[in-house]
């Protein structure tokens, strides 16, 4: 698996399409991370701009519908880019 954090650089935000600084935000759900550790980059990392990243760490912390949408979009993008292969 390629370094998804490096691949996020200079890509548009998976949610709003904004370009500029893009980071790999990690969706945290029960069982996919530990105390002081982030979830794995795949499949829990999504490319987001600073504004969307801030939203997920603030008022959007419980926005599970948007998180699911973002994960789905991210996986489709990874497939289009050849980062992942669907069986």
C-alpha atoms as a PDB file:
ATOM      1  CA  UNK A   1       0.000   0.000   0.000  1.00  0.00           C
ATOM      2  CA  UNK A   2       1.448   3.392  -0.934  1.00  0.00           C
ATOM      3  CA  UNK A   3       1.877   6.132   1.654  1.00  0.00           C
ATOM      4  CA  UNK A   4      -1.625   7.617   1.657  1.00  0.00           C
ATOM      5  CA  UNK A   5      -0.494  10.660   3.637  1.00  0.00           C
ATOM      6  CA  UNK A   6       1.945  11.597   0.884  1.00  0.00           C
ATOM      7  CA  UNK A   7      -0.708  10.935  -1.768  1.00  0.00           C
ATOM      8  CA  UNK A   8      -3.052  13.405  -0.043  1.00  0.00           C
ATOM      9  CA  UNK A   9      -0.674  16.301  -0.740  1.00  0.00           C
ATOM     10  CA  UNK A  10      -1.996  18.730  -3.367  1.00  0.00           C
ATOM     11  CA  UNK A  11      -5.182  16.712  -3.960  1.00  0.00           C
ATOM     12  CA  UNK A  12      -8.623  18.330  -3.681  1.00  0.00           C
ATOM     13  CA  UNK A  13     -10.684  17.795  -0.545  1.00  0.00           C
ATOM     14  CA  UNK A  14     -12.833  14.687  -0.891  1.00  0.00           C
ATOM     15  CA  UNK A  15     -15.810  16.578   0.572  1.00  0.00           C
ATOM     16  CA  UNK A  16     -15.806  20.174  -0.683  1.00  0.00           C
ATOM     17  CA  UNK A  17     -13.262  19.997  -3.528  1.00  0.00           C
ATOM     18  CA  UNK A  18     -11.135  22.775  -2.068  1.00  0.00           C
ATOM     19  CA  UNK A  19      -7.497  22.720  -3.118  1.00  0.00           C
ATOM     20  CA  UNK A  20      -4.513  23.806  -1.097  1.00  0.00           C
ATOM     21  CA  UNK A  21      -3.451  22.166   2.102  1.00  0.00           C
ATOM     22  CA  UNK A  22      -4.956  18.703   2.276  1.00  0.00           C
ATOM     23  CA  UNK A  23      -4.469  16.325   5.189  1.00  0.00           C
ATOM     24  CA  UNK A  24      -5.405  12.717   5.810  1.00  0.00           C
ATOM     25  CA  UNK A  25      -8.106  12.795   8.495  1.00  0.00           C
ATOM     26  CA  UNK A  26      -8.728   9.518  10.330  1.00  0.00           C
ATOM     27  CA  UNK A  27     -12.277   8.432  11.098  1.00  0.00           C
ATOM     28  CA  UNK A  28     -12.300   7.059  14.640  1.00  0.00           C
ATOM     29  CA  UNK A  29     -14.865   4.415  15.488  1.00  0.00           C
ATOM     30  CA  UNK A  30     -14.989   2.011  18.429  1.00  0.00           C
ATOM     31  CA  UNK A  31     -12.513  -0.788  17.817  1.00  0.00           C
ATOM     32  CA  UNK A  32     -10.429   0.807  15.038  1.00  0.00           C
ATOM     33  CA  UNK A  33      -7.902   2.663  17.201  1.00  0.00           C
ATOM     34  CA  UNK A  34      -6.308   2.520  20.618  1.00  0.00           C
ATOM     35  CA  UNK A  35      -5.389   4.902  23.392  1.00  0.00           C
ATOM     36  CA  UNK A  36      -3.181   7.566  21.827  1.00  0.00           C
ATOM     37  CA  UNK A  37      -3.119   5.879  18.412  1.00  0.00           C
ATOM     38  CA  UNK A  38      -4.853   6.742  15.156  1.00  0.00           C
ATOM     39  CA  UNK A  39      -6.810   4.301  13.040  1.00  0.00           C
ATOM     40  CA  UNK A  40      -5.013   2.805  10.032  1.00  0.00           C
ATOM     41  CA  UNK A  41      -4.664   5.040   6.976  1.00  0.00           C
ATOM     42  CA  UNK A  42      -6.561   2.431   4.947  1.00  0.00           C
ATOM     43  CA  UNK A  43      -9.541   2.381   5.013  1.00  0.00           C
ATOM     44  CA  UNK A  44     -10.048   5.087   7.660  1.00  0.00           C
ATOM     45  CA  UNK A  45      -8.029   7.970   6.196  1.00  0.00           C
ATOM     46  CA  UNK A  46      -9.806  10.574   4.067  1.00  0.00           C
ATOM     47  CA  UNK A  47      -8.298  13.551   2.217  1.00  0.00           C
ATOM     48  CA  UNK A  48      -9.788  16.756   3.568  1.00  0.00           C
ATOM     49  CA  UNK A  49      -8.962  20.465   3.510  1.00  0.00           C
ATOM     50  CA  UNK A  50      -8.209  22.369   6.706  1.00  0.00           C
ATOM     51  CA  UNK A  51     -11.823  23.576   7.006  1.00  0.00           C
ATOM     52  CA  UNK A  52     -13.380  20.112   6.699  1.00  0.00           C
ATOM     53  CA  UNK A  53     -10.719  18.701   9.037  1.00  0.00           C
ATOM     54  CA  UNK A  54     -11.596  21.335  11.628  1.00  0.00           C
ATOM     55  CA  UNK A  55     -15.312  20.504  11.220  1.00  0.00           C
ATOM     56  CA  UNK A  56     -14.702  16.812  11.990  1.00  0.00           C
ATOM     57  CA  UNK A  57     -12.728  17.716  15.115  1.00  0.00           C
ATOM     58  CA  UNK A  58     -15.398  20.196  16.245  1.00  0.00           C
ATOM     59  CA  UNK A  59     -19.126  20.323  15.640  1.00  0.00           C
ATOM     60  CA  UNK A  60     -18.989  17.506  13.065  1.00  0.00           C
ATOM     61  CA  UNK A  61     -17.465  15.015  15.470  1.00  0.00           C
ATOM     62  CA  UNK A  62     -20.654  12.927  15.428  1.00  0.00           C
ATOM     63  CA  UNK A  63     -21.616  13.515  11.784  1.00  0.00           C
ATOM     64  CA  UNK A  64     -21.543   9.820  10.871  1.00  0.00           C
ATOM     65  CA  UNK A  65     -23.478  10.283   7.621  1.00  0.00           C
ATOM     66  CA  UNK A  66     -20.856  12.701   6.311  1.00  0.00           C
ATOM     67  CA  UNK A  67     -18.060  10.411   7.510  1.00  0.00           C
ATOM     68  CA  UNK A  68     -19.600   7.454   5.647  1.00  0.00           C
ATOM     69  CA  UNK A  69     -20.007   9.571   2.520  1.00  0.00           C
ATOM     70  CA  UNK A  70     -16.377  10.694   2.752  1.00  0.00           C
ATOM     71  CA  UNK A  71     -15.057   7.141   3.188  1.00  0.00           C
ATOM     72  CA  UNK A  72     -17.103   5.962   0.196  1.00  0.00           C
ATOM     73  CA  UNK A  73     -15.906   8.819  -2.000  1.00  0.00           C
ATOM     74  CA  UNK A  74     -12.322   8.270  -0.897  1.00  0.00           C
ATOM     75  CA  UNK A  75     -12.408   4.582  -1.763  1.00  0.00           C
ATOM     76  CA  UNK A  76     -13.841   5.349  -5.215  1.00  0.00           C
ATOM     77  CA  UNK A  77     -11.062   7.907  -5.776  1.00  0.00           C
ATOM     78  CA  UNK A  78      -8.398   5.435  -4.661  1.00  0.00           C
ATOM     79  CA  UNK A  79      -9.804   2.880  -7.116  1.00  0.00           C
ATOM     80  CA  UNK A  80      -9.784   5.426  -9.972  1.00  0.00           C
ATOM     81  CA  UNK A  81      -6.180   6.368  -9.147  1.00  0.00           C
ATOM     82  CA  UNK A  82      -5.113   2.725  -9.016  1.00  0.00           C
ATOM     83  CA  UNK A  83      -4.158   2.970  -5.338  1.00  0.00           C
ATOM     84  CA  UNK A  84      -6.448   0.049  -4.477  1.00  0.00           C
ATOM     85  CA  UNK A  85      -7.761  -2.802  -6.563  1.00  0.00           C
ATOM     86  CA  UNK A  86     -11.306  -4.078  -6.183  1.00  0.00           C
ATOM     87  CA  UNK A  87     -11.562  -7.873  -6.402  1.00  0.00           C
END
